[in-house]
N, C-alpha and C. Protein backbone atom coordinates (compact mmCIF):
# COMPACT_ATOMS: atom_id res chain seq x y z
N UNK A 1 10.29 -4.79 18.24
CA UNK A 1 9.39 -3.71 17.91
C UNK A 1 10.16 -2.63 17.14
N UNK A 2 9.54 -2.05 16.17
CA UNK A 2 10.16 -1.04 15.33
C UNK A 2 9.95 0.35 15.94
N UNK A 3 10.98 1.18 15.90
CA UNK A 3 10.89 2.55 16.39
C UNK A 3 10.49 3.47 15.25
N UNK A 4 9.74 4.51 15.57
CA UNK A 4 9.37 5.53 14.60
C UNK A 4 9.80 6.88 15.16
N UNK A 5 10.58 7.63 14.37
CA UNK A 5 11.09 8.92 14.82
C UNK A 5 11.04 9.93 13.68
N UNK A 6 11.10 11.17 14.03
CA UNK A 6 11.10 12.23 13.00
C UNK A 6 12.50 12.39 12.42
N UNK A 7 12.55 12.94 11.22
CA UNK A 7 13.83 13.21 10.58
C UNK A 7 14.64 14.20 11.42
N UNK A 8 13.97 15.15 12.04
CA UNK A 8 14.66 16.14 12.88
C UNK A 8 15.33 15.46 14.07
N UNK A 9 14.64 14.50 14.69
CA UNK A 9 15.22 13.78 15.83
C UNK A 9 16.44 12.99 15.41
N UNK A 10 16.38 12.35 14.24
CA UNK A 10 17.52 11.59 13.74
C UNK A 10 18.68 12.53 13.46
N UNK A 11 18.38 13.68 12.89
CA UNK A 11 19.43 14.65 12.58
C UNK A 11 20.17 15.11 13.83
N UNK A 12 19.43 15.28 14.92
CA UNK A 12 20.02 15.76 16.17
C UNK A 12 20.82 14.70 16.91
N UNK A 13 20.46 13.43 16.71
CA UNK A 13 21.10 12.36 17.49
C UNK A 13 21.32 11.12 16.62
N UNK A 14 21.99 11.32 15.48
CA UNK A 14 22.16 10.25 14.50
C UNK A 14 22.84 9.01 15.08
N UNK A 15 23.88 9.20 15.89
CA UNK A 15 24.61 8.07 16.44
C UNK A 15 23.74 7.14 17.26
N UNK A 16 22.85 7.70 18.06
CA UNK A 16 21.96 6.88 18.88
C UNK A 16 21.00 6.07 18.01
N UNK A 17 20.51 6.69 16.93
CA UNK A 17 19.59 5.97 16.06
C UNK A 17 20.32 4.94 15.21
N UNK A 18 21.59 5.18 14.89
CA UNK A 18 22.39 4.16 14.22
C UNK A 18 22.49 2.93 15.13
N UNK A 19 22.78 3.16 16.40
CA UNK A 19 22.87 2.05 17.35
C UNK A 19 21.54 1.33 17.48
N UNK A 20 20.45 2.08 17.52
CA UNK A 20 19.12 1.48 17.64
C UNK A 20 18.81 0.62 16.41
N UNK A 21 19.24 1.08 15.23
CA UNK A 21 18.94 0.36 13.98
C UNK A 21 19.65 -0.99 13.91
N UNK A 22 20.70 -1.16 14.67
CA UNK A 22 21.38 -2.46 14.71
C UNK A 22 20.48 -3.48 15.41
N UNK A 23 19.67 -3.01 16.35
CA UNK A 23 18.77 -3.89 17.10
C UNK A 23 17.42 -4.09 16.42
N UNK A 24 16.92 -3.03 15.79
CA UNK A 24 15.61 -3.07 15.14
C UNK A 24 15.53 -1.95 14.11
N UNK A 25 14.69 -2.10 13.08
CA UNK A 25 14.55 -1.03 12.10
C UNK A 25 14.03 0.25 12.74
N UNK A 26 14.48 1.38 12.23
CA UNK A 26 14.02 2.69 12.69
C UNK A 26 13.33 3.37 11.52
N UNK A 27 12.03 3.60 11.66
CA UNK A 27 11.26 4.27 10.62
C UNK A 27 11.41 5.77 10.84
N UNK A 28 11.81 6.48 9.79
CA UNK A 28 12.03 7.92 9.87
C UNK A 28 10.90 8.62 9.12
N UNK A 29 10.21 9.52 9.82
CA UNK A 29 9.08 10.21 9.23
C UNK A 29 9.46 11.62 8.79
N UNK A 30 8.72 12.11 7.81
CA UNK A 30 8.85 13.51 7.37
C UNK A 30 7.43 14.03 7.18
N UNK A 31 7.14 15.15 7.82
CA UNK A 31 5.78 15.71 7.78
C UNK A 31 4.74 14.70 8.28
N UNK A 32 5.13 13.91 9.27
CA UNK A 32 4.20 12.97 9.88
C UNK A 32 3.98 11.67 9.12
N UNK A 33 4.68 11.48 8.02
CA UNK A 33 4.51 10.26 7.21
C UNK A 33 5.81 9.48 7.12
N UNK A 34 5.72 8.16 7.18
CA UNK A 34 6.93 7.34 7.03
C UNK A 34 7.60 7.64 5.69
N UNK A 35 8.92 7.84 5.73
CA UNK A 35 9.63 8.19 4.50
C UNK A 35 10.80 7.24 4.23
N UNK A 36 11.59 6.93 5.24
CA UNK A 36 12.74 6.05 5.07
C UNK A 36 12.85 5.13 6.28
N UNK A 37 13.69 4.10 6.13
CA UNK A 37 13.94 3.17 7.22
C UNK A 37 15.45 2.99 7.36
N UNK A 38 15.92 3.10 8.58
CA UNK A 38 17.32 2.87 8.90
C UNK A 38 17.42 1.45 9.45
N UNK A 39 18.23 0.61 8.78
CA UNK A 39 18.37 -0.79 9.21
C UNK A 39 19.85 -1.16 9.34
N UNK A 40 20.09 -2.24 10.02
CA UNK A 40 21.45 -2.75 10.18
C UNK A 40 21.99 -3.19 8.81
N UNK A 41 23.29 -3.05 8.63
CA UNK A 41 23.91 -3.44 7.37
C UNK A 41 23.64 -4.91 7.04
N UNK A 42 23.70 -5.77 8.05
CA UNK A 42 23.47 -7.20 7.83
C UNK A 42 22.05 -7.46 7.29
N UNK A 43 21.09 -6.70 7.80
CA UNK A 43 19.72 -6.84 7.30
C UNK A 43 19.62 -6.37 5.86
N UNK A 44 20.32 -5.28 5.54
CA UNK A 44 20.33 -4.79 4.17
C UNK A 44 20.91 -5.83 3.22
N UNK A 45 22.04 -6.43 3.60
CA UNK A 45 22.69 -7.44 2.76
C UNK A 45 21.74 -8.62 2.54
N UNK A 46 21.11 -9.07 3.62
CA UNK A 46 20.17 -10.19 3.52
C UNK A 46 19.03 -9.86 2.58
N UNK A 47 18.46 -8.68 2.69
CA UNK A 47 17.35 -8.28 1.83
C UNK A 47 17.80 -8.09 0.39
N UNK A 48 18.99 -7.56 0.19
CA UNK A 48 19.49 -7.32 -1.16
C UNK A 48 19.74 -8.63 -1.91
N UNK A 49 20.09 -9.66 -1.18
CA UNK A 49 20.39 -10.95 -1.81
C UNK A 49 19.13 -11.78 -2.07
N UNK A 50 18.08 -11.39 -1.46
CA UNK A 50 16.85 -12.17 -1.57
C UNK A 50 16.37 -12.24 -3.01
N UNK A 51 16.12 -13.42 -3.48
CA UNK A 51 15.63 -13.60 -4.85
C UNK A 51 14.11 -13.50 -4.87
N UNK A 52 13.63 -12.80 -5.87
CA UNK A 52 12.19 -12.77 -6.09
C UNK A 52 11.89 -13.64 -7.29
N UNK A 53 10.95 -14.50 -7.13
CA UNK A 53 10.56 -15.39 -8.21
C UNK A 53 9.22 -14.89 -8.77
N UNK A 54 9.22 -14.56 -10.03
CA UNK A 54 8.03 -14.05 -10.67
C UNK A 54 7.68 -14.97 -11.83
N UNK A 55 6.42 -15.36 -11.88
CA UNK A 55 5.95 -16.19 -12.99
C UNK A 55 4.70 -15.55 -13.57
N UNK A 56 4.54 -15.70 -14.85
CA UNK A 56 3.33 -15.22 -15.50
C UNK A 56 2.17 -16.13 -15.13
N UNK A 57 1.02 -15.55 -14.87
CA UNK A 57 -0.15 -16.38 -14.54
C UNK A 57 -0.51 -17.29 -15.72
N UNK A 58 -0.14 -16.89 -16.94
CA UNK A 58 -0.41 -17.72 -18.11
C UNK A 58 0.39 -19.02 -18.06
N UNK A 59 1.46 -19.05 -17.24
CA UNK A 59 2.28 -20.25 -17.15
C UNK A 59 1.69 -21.27 -16.16
N UNK A 60 0.67 -20.85 -15.41
CA UNK A 60 0.07 -21.76 -14.43
C UNK A 60 -0.97 -22.65 -15.10
N UNK A 61 -1.05 -23.87 -14.61
CA UNK A 61 -2.05 -24.81 -15.12
C UNK A 61 -3.40 -24.59 -14.47
N UNK A 62 -4.42 -25.27 -14.99
CA UNK A 62 -5.78 -25.12 -14.47
C UNK A 62 -5.87 -25.53 -13.00
N UNK A 63 -5.18 -26.60 -12.61
CA UNK A 63 -5.20 -27.05 -11.22
C UNK A 63 -4.59 -26.01 -10.28
N UNK A 64 -3.49 -25.41 -10.73
CA UNK A 64 -2.83 -24.39 -9.90
C UNK A 64 -3.71 -23.14 -9.77
N UNK A 65 -4.34 -22.73 -10.85
CA UNK A 65 -5.23 -21.58 -10.80
C UNK A 65 -6.43 -21.84 -9.90
N UNK A 66 -6.97 -23.05 -9.98
CA UNK A 66 -8.11 -23.41 -9.12
C UNK A 66 -7.70 -23.40 -7.65
N UNK A 67 -6.50 -23.87 -7.36
CA UNK A 67 -6.01 -23.88 -5.97
C UNK A 67 -5.84 -22.46 -5.45
N UNK A 68 -5.36 -21.57 -6.30
CA UNK A 68 -5.20 -20.17 -5.90
C UNK A 68 -6.56 -19.53 -5.64
N UNK A 69 -7.51 -19.78 -6.52
CA UNK A 69 -8.85 -19.21 -6.37
C UNK A 69 -9.54 -19.72 -5.11
N UNK A 70 -9.27 -20.96 -4.72
CA UNK A 70 -9.91 -21.56 -3.55
C UNK A 70 -9.18 -21.23 -2.24
N UNK A 71 -8.00 -20.64 -2.33
CA UNK A 71 -7.20 -20.39 -1.13
C UNK A 71 -7.81 -19.30 -0.26
N UNK A 72 -7.48 -19.37 1.03
CA UNK A 72 -7.93 -18.36 2.00
C UNK A 72 -6.74 -17.94 2.84
N UNK A 73 -6.77 -16.68 3.27
CA UNK A 73 -5.70 -16.17 4.10
C UNK A 73 -5.83 -16.74 5.51
N UNK A 74 -4.68 -17.00 6.13
CA UNK A 74 -4.68 -17.48 7.50
C UNK A 74 -5.27 -16.43 8.42
N UNK A 75 -6.00 -16.87 9.45
CA UNK A 75 -6.55 -15.91 10.42
C UNK A 75 -5.41 -15.09 11.04
N UNK A 76 -5.69 -13.83 11.29
CA UNK A 76 -4.71 -12.96 11.91
C UNK A 76 -3.84 -12.20 10.92
N UNK A 77 -4.00 -12.46 9.63
CA UNK A 77 -3.18 -11.78 8.63
C UNK A 77 -3.98 -10.78 7.79
N UNK A 78 -5.21 -10.53 8.20
CA UNK A 78 -6.05 -9.61 7.43
C UNK A 78 -5.47 -8.22 7.32
N UNK A 79 -4.64 -7.81 8.30
CA UNK A 79 -4.04 -6.48 8.26
C UNK A 79 -3.15 -6.29 7.03
N UNK A 80 -2.71 -7.38 6.42
CA UNK A 80 -1.87 -7.27 5.23
C UNK A 80 -2.64 -6.74 4.02
N UNK A 81 -3.96 -6.90 4.05
CA UNK A 81 -4.77 -6.38 2.95
C UNK A 81 -4.64 -4.87 2.83
N UNK A 82 -4.37 -4.18 3.93
CA UNK A 82 -4.23 -2.73 3.90
C UNK A 82 -3.10 -2.29 2.98
N UNK A 83 -2.06 -3.12 2.87
CA UNK A 83 -0.94 -2.78 2.00
C UNK A 83 -1.37 -2.73 0.54
N UNK A 84 -2.35 -3.53 0.18
CA UNK A 84 -2.81 -3.55 -1.20
C UNK A 84 -3.61 -2.31 -1.54
N UNK A 85 -4.10 -1.60 -0.53
CA UNK A 85 -4.96 -0.45 -0.76
C UNK A 85 -4.22 0.87 -0.75
N UNK A 86 -2.92 0.85 -0.45
CA UNK A 86 -2.17 2.10 -0.41
C UNK A 86 -1.73 2.49 -1.81
N UNK A 87 -1.55 3.79 -2.02
CA UNK A 87 -1.14 4.30 -3.34
C UNK A 87 0.21 3.71 -3.76
N UNK A 88 1.11 3.48 -2.79
CA UNK A 88 2.45 3.00 -3.11
C UNK A 88 2.42 1.63 -3.77
N UNK A 89 1.42 0.82 -3.42
CA UNK A 89 1.36 -0.54 -3.94
C UNK A 89 0.31 -0.70 -5.05
N UNK A 90 -0.38 0.35 -5.37
CA UNK A 90 -1.43 0.26 -6.38
C UNK A 90 -0.82 0.06 -7.77
N UNK A 91 -1.52 -0.67 -8.58
CA UNK A 91 -1.06 -0.90 -9.95
C UNK A 91 -1.24 0.37 -10.76
N UNK A 92 -0.31 0.60 -11.65
CA UNK A 92 -0.40 1.80 -12.51
C UNK A 92 -1.42 1.63 -13.59
């Protein structure tokens, strides 16, 4: 489970939150909103090395496009749609 704390709390007890971040990510809020995340160095390295594969939709064939259009999200993952509706993820 991820911890959520205020920036002021982290400032007052940084060492404890560093220790907590080794076990799980610590979300740091400012003015009541998530602003940064404190994570273990190993997690950072793993995420930094992760390759993202991006392809143009024009490179997909008709069969692949039809499969995408016919696909459905697995039950229980509907909460992920909320990420698409936030300003941070909106297309410019």
